[in-house]
Amino acid sequence: MHLKAGSSLRRSGLAGDLRDQQDSRKLDATLGSRRDHAARSAVIRSETRYLAVSSLLGVGMRTVVSSILFAVALACPLAVGAAEDFSDPTTLGRWITHYYKHPEPHRVADAMLAASSHGFMEGGRSTPSFMGFVAGVMSKNHPVAESLAEQLMALPEAHQQVLVMGVWYSSYPEGKPLLDQLAKSLPEHQEVVEQLLASGRPNLLDLPLEQGPWVLDALWGYFFATGDEATVIRIISALPWIEVRGDTSRLLVGGAARWSLISNAIQHESVMAICREALASQTEEIAGVLRDVIAEAEKDLREGKTG
């Protein structure tokens, strides 16, 4: 996500704050500068679940020409065992991006609070990425879900949607009771929580990609927390949309999927491996674009690019 306060999500791995303006222009040149307002407003349709999501995330649903997270970190690995200093934005970004390699659930609350204090959550546009990350941590670490939620209540009111939606999209079995507790402790979010509780909990992987690149942002956030192959496969499924004509929503998602996969394949060996292994099981429509993704990432690696 672009980690400048109030800006859009950019290259994954929190990599590229210094390159974001240039990258944005490149993507805009590919996809066009127009945004499909009708597609973005699809998340505000009358279904209770998406009404709740859109009203909670606010401008966060107007996301993103880029589709990934946390743009400030350099694409270099963390030193195993190092005590990262979250007061440094680059270190924080790198820690989040590579979290799945060396999980430290006891430090997630401090990381999210630091991200908030750095201004990374301002404007709501980074909300999908962070909520996906929190959902992933809770999904993989059920025993710490309640203590993590308690600590994240210290987030400023404007950033607490990361907690609420993180719980909602996690697979934590006691998510609904936990949300009920949050509604009592966070009265400013009570109405939205009640809407969520009145509907069935969704699976993050099942969210329609047509809703916009914000879904990709949430999926990448989940991947950085879990390393889950299924999230990458889900993103791969959107690749054929780069050829769509007359549907700006799908075109935008397809372009963001392609761009994000290249960037992450450069920065994460596991993403490159997942892409290569997926080739054999994809339709030719998907495989053709995926081969191009892999080839471009390999070329960038040979040229020493970092994503």
Protein backbone atom coordinates (compact mmCIF):
# COMPACT_ATOMS: atom_id res chain seq x y z
CA MET A 1 0.00 0.00 0.00
CA HIS A 2 1.25 3.40 -0.56
CA LEU A 3 2.44 4.35 2.88
CA LYS A 4 2.27 8.04 2.38
CA ALA A 5 -0.68 9.22 4.41
CA GLY A 6 -3.90 9.19 2.45
CA SER A 7 -2.45 7.79 -0.73
CA SER A 8 -3.36 4.75 -2.76
CA LEU A 9 -2.00 1.23 -2.54
CA ARG A 10 1.03 0.56 -4.64
CA ARG A 11 3.54 -2.18 -5.22
CA SER A 12 3.49 -5.14 -2.92
CA GLY A 13 5.96 -5.79 -0.23
CA LEU A 14 5.71 -2.16 0.79
CA ALA A 15 8.21 -1.72 -1.98
CA GLY A 16 8.34 1.39 -4.04
CA ASP A 17 7.24 4.57 -2.32
CA LEU A 18 9.89 6.40 -4.29
CA ARG A 19 8.62 4.82 -7.52
CA ASP A 20 4.88 5.10 -6.92
CA GLN A 21 4.14 8.22 -8.93
CA GLN A 22 5.99 6.80 -11.93
CA ASP A 23 4.33 3.39 -11.52
CA SER A 24 0.90 4.98 -11.25
CA ARG A 25 1.44 6.76 -14.54
CA LYS A 26 2.54 3.50 -16.16
CA LEU A 27 -0.54 1.66 -15.00
CA ASP A 28 -2.81 4.52 -15.94
CA ALA A 29 -1.30 4.43 -19.42
CA THR A 30 -2.18 0.75 -19.63
CA LEU A 31 -5.65 0.85 -18.16
CA GLY A 32 -6.68 4.41 -18.81
CA SER A 33 -7.22 7.10 -16.23
CA ARG A 34 -10.97 6.63 -16.03
CA ARG A 35 -12.42 4.78 -13.08
CA ASP A 36 -15.60 2.79 -13.36
CA HIS A 37 -17.74 4.52 -10.75
CA ALA A 38 -20.59 2.10 -11.32
CA ALA A 39 -18.31 -0.85 -10.62
CA ARG A 40 -16.89 0.71 -7.50
CA SER A 41 -20.38 1.47 -6.23
CA ALA A 42 -21.28 -2.20 -6.59
CA VAL A 43 -20.01 -2.70 -3.07
CA ILE A 44 -22.72 -0.33 -1.87
CA ARG A 45 -25.58 -2.34 -3.30
CA SER A 46 -28.52 -3.32 -1.16
CA GLU A 47 -27.19 -6.61 0.09
CA THR A 48 -26.69 -6.16 3.80
CA ARG A 49 -23.22 -7.62 3.81
CA TYR A 50 -21.82 -5.24 1.23
CA LEU A 51 -23.74 -2.28 2.54
CA ALA A 52 -22.01 -2.91 5.85
CA VAL A 53 -18.62 -3.26 4.26
CA SER A 54 -18.89 -0.15 2.14
CA SER A 55 -20.27 2.03 4.89
CA LEU A 56 -17.53 0.92 7.22
CA LEU A 57 -14.66 1.29 4.79
CA GLY A 58 -15.88 4.54 3.30
CA VAL A 59 -13.39 5.88 0.79
CA GLY A 60 -11.39 2.70 1.19
CA MET A 61 -13.73 1.19 -1.34
CA ARG A 62 -12.61 3.74 -3.88
CA THR A 63 -9.38 1.90 -4.10
CA VAL A 64 -6.72 1.69 -6.18
CA VAL A 65 -4.93 1.59 -9.27
CA SER A 66 -2.31 -0.64 -7.86
CA SER A 67 -3.34 -3.62 -6.02
CA ILE A 68 -0.93 -4.18 -3.35
CA LEU A 69 0.25 -3.25 -0.03
CA PHE A 70 2.49 -1.28 2.04
CA ALA A 71 4.66 0.80 -0.22
CA VAL A 72 7.77 2.02 1.55
CA ALA A 73 9.70 -1.14 2.33
CA LEU A 74 12.66 -2.30 0.35
CA ALA A 75 12.44 -5.74 -1.19
CA CYS A 76 15.13 -7.29 0.96
CA PRO A 77 14.66 -10.04 3.52
CA LEU A 78 14.47 -9.44 7.22
CA ALA A 79 17.28 -10.74 9.32
CA VAL A 80 15.92 -13.73 11.17
CA GLY A 81 15.85 -13.07 14.87
CA ALA A 82 16.34 -9.32 14.52
CA ALA A 83 14.28 -7.09 16.79
CA GLU A 84 12.67 -4.84 14.20
CA ASP A 85 12.10 -1.23 15.10
CA PHE A 86 8.60 -0.30 14.03
CA SER A 87 9.40 3.37 14.42
CA ASP A 88 11.13 3.09 11.05
CA PRO A 89 8.54 2.90 8.24
CA THR A 90 10.81 0.88 5.95
CA THR A 91 11.48 -1.73 8.61
CA LEU A 92 7.79 -1.90 9.50
CA GLY A 93 6.78 -2.38 5.87
CA ARG A 94 9.34 -5.10 5.35
CA TRP A 95 8.24 -6.89 8.51
CA ILE A 96 4.59 -6.91 7.41
CA THR A 97 5.35 -7.93 3.84
CA HIS A 98 7.48 -10.91 4.88
CA TYR A 99 5.57 -11.74 8.05
CA TYR A 100 4.44 -15.16 6.83
CA LYS A 101 8.05 -16.35 6.70
CA HIS A 102 8.68 -15.70 10.39
CA PRO A 103 5.30 -15.19 12.13
CA GLU A 104 5.31 -13.23 15.36
CA PRO A 105 1.64 -12.89 16.30
CA HIS A 106 2.54 -11.29 19.63
CA ARG A 107 3.98 -8.30 17.71
CA VAL A 108 1.11 -7.76 15.26
CA ALA A 109 -0.76 -5.30 17.46
CA ASP A 110 2.36 -3.16 17.87
CA ALA A 111 2.89 -3.28 14.10
CA MET A 112 -0.68 -2.18 13.34
CA LEU A 113 -0.55 0.61 15.91
CA ALA A 114 2.74 1.77 14.43
CA ALA A 115 1.26 1.70 10.92
CA SER A 116 -1.58 3.85 12.19
CA SER A 117 0.77 6.31 13.87
CA HIS A 118 2.83 6.60 10.68
CA GLY A 119 -0.32 7.67 8.85
CA PHE A 120 -0.49 4.56 6.68
CA MET A 121 -4.19 4.06 7.38
CA GLU A 122 -5.31 7.60 6.66
CA GLY A 123 -8.14 8.09 4.20
CA GLY A 124 -9.32 4.48 4.34
CA ARG A 125 -7.66 3.47 1.08
CA SER A 126 -5.26 1.08 2.74
CA THR A 127 -8.00 -0.51 4.82
CA PRO A 128 -8.47 -3.62 2.60
CA SER A 129 -4.78 -4.49 2.80
CA PHE A 130 -4.57 -4.13 6.55
CA MET A 131 -7.89 -5.86 7.18
CA GLY A 132 -6.71 -8.76 5.02
CA PHE A 133 -3.51 -8.95 7.04
CA VAL A 134 -5.35 -8.94 10.37
CA ALA A 135 -7.82 -11.52 9.05
CA GLY A 136 -4.91 -13.75 8.04
CA VAL A 137 -3.19 -13.48 11.40
CA MET A 138 -6.41 -14.34 13.24
CA SER A 139 -7.18 -17.19 10.85
CA LYS A 140 -3.80 -18.80 11.47
CA ASN A 141 -3.63 -18.03 15.17
CA HIS A 142 -7.04 -18.59 16.78
CA PRO A 143 -5.67 -18.54 20.36
CA VAL A 144 -4.42 -14.96 19.98
CA ALA A 145 -7.46 -13.56 18.14
CA GLU A 146 -9.21 -12.13 21.18
CA SER A 147 -6.09 -10.63 22.74
CA LEU A 148 -5.13 -9.12 19.38
CA ALA A 149 -8.62 -7.62 19.02
CA GLU A 150 -8.40 -6.16 22.52
CA GLN A 151 -5.07 -4.52 21.74
CA LEU A 152 -6.26 -3.17 18.40
CA MET A 153 -9.13 -1.36 20.08
CA ALA A 154 -6.43 1.20 20.87
CA LEU A 155 -6.42 2.20 17.19
CA PRO A 156 -7.89 5.64 16.50
CA GLU A 157 -11.60 5.49 15.74
CA ALA A 158 -11.00 6.22 12.06
CA HIS A 159 -8.73 3.17 11.78
CA GLN A 160 -10.75 0.69 13.81
CA GLN A 161 -12.43 -0.61 10.66
CA VAL A 162 -9.20 -2.58 10.15
CA LEU A 163 -10.01 -4.49 13.33
CA VAL A 164 -13.74 -4.91 12.71
CA MET A 165 -13.36 -6.11 9.13
CA GLY A 166 -10.29 -8.16 9.99
CA VAL A 167 -12.35 -10.13 12.48
CA TRP A 168 -15.23 -10.39 10.03
CA TYR A 169 -13.14 -11.79 7.19
CA SER A 170 -11.06 -14.10 9.38
CA SER A 171 -11.89 -17.77 9.88
CA TYR A 172 -11.77 -17.38 13.65
CA PRO A 173 -14.65 -19.63 14.79
CA GLU A 174 -15.79 -17.24 17.51
CA GLY A 175 -15.76 -14.26 15.21
CA LYS A 176 -19.40 -13.35 15.70
CA PRO A 177 -19.25 -13.33 19.51
CA LEU A 178 -16.03 -11.33 19.26
CA LEU A 179 -17.73 -8.80 16.98
CA ASP A 180 -20.59 -8.59 19.44
CA GLN A 181 -18.09 -7.68 22.14
CA LEU A 182 -16.50 -5.11 19.86
CA ALA A 183 -19.87 -3.51 19.20
CA LYS A 184 -20.26 -2.92 22.94
CA SER A 185 -16.73 -1.60 23.33
CA LEU A 186 -16.70 0.49 20.14
CA PRO A 187 -20.15 2.13 20.07
CA GLU A 188 -19.23 4.28 17.07
CA HIS A 189 -19.10 1.07 15.00
CA GLN A 190 -22.12 -0.59 16.57
CA GLU A 191 -24.50 -0.02 13.67
CA VAL A 192 -22.11 -1.52 11.13
CA VAL A 193 -21.28 -4.45 13.40
CA GLU A 194 -24.97 -5.16 13.84
CA GLN A 195 -25.36 -5.24 10.06
CA LEU A 196 -22.48 -7.67 9.81
CA LEU A 197 -23.86 -9.89 12.54
CA ALA A 198 -27.22 -10.03 10.76
CA SER A 199 -25.60 -11.67 7.73
CA GLY A 200 -23.49 -14.74 7.11
CA ARG A 201 -19.72 -14.38 7.45
CA PRO A 202 -18.07 -14.40 4.02
CA ASN A 203 -14.95 -16.25 2.99
CA LEU A 204 -12.37 -13.73 1.84
CA LEU A 205 -11.35 -16.02 -1.00
CA ASP A 206 -14.93 -16.08 -2.27
CA LEU A 207 -15.36 -12.32 -2.61
CA PRO A 208 -16.23 -11.44 -6.22
CA LEU A 209 -13.14 -9.98 -7.84
CA GLU A 210 -15.45 -7.81 -9.95
CA GLN A 211 -15.96 -5.62 -6.89
CA GLY A 212 -12.65 -4.00 -7.66
CA PRO A 213 -8.92 -4.03 -6.95
CA TRP A 214 -9.64 -3.56 -3.24
CA VAL A 215 -10.39 -7.32 -3.16
CA LEU A 216 -6.90 -7.99 -4.52
CA ASP A 217 -5.46 -5.72 -1.84
CA ALA A 218 -7.25 -7.70 0.84
CA LEU A 219 -6.04 -10.98 -0.65
CA TRP A 220 -2.43 -9.82 -0.75
CA GLY A 221 -2.71 -8.65 2.85
CA TYR A 222 -3.98 -12.11 3.74
CA PHE A 223 -1.11 -13.71 1.83
CA PHE A 224 1.52 -11.64 3.62
CA ALA A 225 0.07 -12.86 6.91
CA THR A 226 -0.28 -16.52 5.94
CA GLY A 227 1.67 -17.38 2.78
CA ASP A 228 -1.52 -19.14 1.67
CA GLU A 229 -1.22 -20.45 -1.90
CA ALA A 230 -4.99 -20.18 -2.44
CA THR A 231 -4.85 -16.38 -2.33
CA VAL A 232 -2.35 -16.27 -5.19
CA ILE A 233 -4.37 -18.77 -7.23
CA ARG A 234 -7.44 -16.60 -6.71
CA ILE A 235 -5.60 -13.54 -8.01
CA ILE A 236 -4.29 -15.52 -10.99
CA SER A 237 -7.89 -16.24 -11.96
CA ALA A 238 -8.37 -12.55 -12.85
CA LEU A 239 -5.56 -12.45 -15.43
CA PRO A 240 -7.73 -13.02 -18.54
CA TRP A 241 -9.58 -9.80 -17.75
CA ILE A 242 -6.69 -7.77 -19.17
CA GLU A 243 -8.21 -8.58 -22.57
CA VAL A 244 -11.76 -7.54 -21.63
CA ARG A 245 -13.31 -4.75 -23.63
CA GLY A 246 -16.29 -2.71 -22.55
CA ASP A 247 -16.00 -3.64 -18.87
CA THR A 248 -13.73 -1.16 -17.10
CA SER A 249 -14.18 -2.86 -13.74
CA ARG A 250 -12.79 -6.19 -14.94
CA LEU A 251 -10.12 -4.51 -17.04
CA LEU A 252 -8.87 -2.61 -14.00
CA VAL A 253 -8.84 -5.73 -11.83
CA GLY A 254 -7.11 -7.78 -14.53
CA GLY A 255 -4.38 -5.19 -14.96
CA ALA A 256 -3.89 -4.87 -11.21
CA ALA A 257 -3.71 -8.66 -10.87
CA ARG A 258 -1.04 -8.93 -13.57
CA TRP A 259 1.02 -6.07 -12.18
CA SER A 260 0.80 -7.29 -8.59
CA LEU A 261 1.74 -10.85 -9.50
CA ILE A 262 4.85 -9.68 -11.35
CA SER A 263 5.89 -7.46 -8.45
CA ASN A 264 5.33 -10.16 -5.85
CA ALA A 265 6.95 -12.89 -7.93
CA ILE A 266 10.07 -10.74 -7.98
CA GLN A 267 10.01 -10.16 -4.24
CA HIS A 268 8.73 -13.52 -2.99
CA GLU A 269 10.20 -16.81 -4.17
CA SER A 270 7.04 -18.55 -2.98
CA VAL A 271 4.85 -16.44 -5.27
CA MET A 272 7.07 -17.24 -8.24
CA ALA A 273 6.91 -20.95 -7.34
CA ILE A 274 3.11 -20.85 -7.03
CA CYS A 275 2.80 -19.17 -10.43
CA ARG A 276 5.05 -21.73 -12.09
CA GLU A 277 3.27 -24.68 -10.51
CA ALA A 278 -0.13 -23.24 -11.40
CA LEU A 279 0.62 -23.21 -15.13
CA ALA A 280 -0.17 -26.89 -15.57
CA SER A 281 -3.62 -26.66 -14.00
CA GLN A 282 -4.91 -23.47 -15.62
CA THR A 283 -6.98 -23.05 -18.73
CA GLU A 284 -5.04 -21.86 -21.75
CA GLU A 285 -6.77 -18.50 -21.44
CA ILE A 286 -5.21 -18.01 -18.00
CA ALA A 287 -1.98 -19.89 -18.70
CA GLY A 288 -1.10 -17.68 -21.64
CA VAL A 289 -1.17 -14.52 -19.54
CA LEU A 290 0.46 -16.28 -16.60
CA ARG A 291 3.40 -17.33 -18.77
CA ASP A 292 3.87 -13.67 -19.67
CA VAL A 293 3.74 -12.72 -15.97
CA ILE A 294 6.44 -15.27 -15.13
CA ALA A 295 8.59 -14.25 -18.09
CA GLU A 296 8.44 -10.57 -17.18
CA ALA A 297 9.23 -11.27 -13.52
CA GLU A 298 12.18 -13.46 -14.51
CA LYS A 299 13.46 -10.74 -16.83
CA ASP A 300 13.20 -8.14 -14.07
CA LEU A 301 15.08 -10.44 -11.70
CA ARG A 302 17.88 -10.90 -14.20
CA GLU A 303 18.10 -7.13 -14.53
CA GLY A 304 18.32 -6.75 -10.77
CA LYS A 305 14.94 -5.13 -10.27
CA THR A 306 13.36 -5.51 -6.85
CA GLY A 307 9.68 -5.24 -7.68
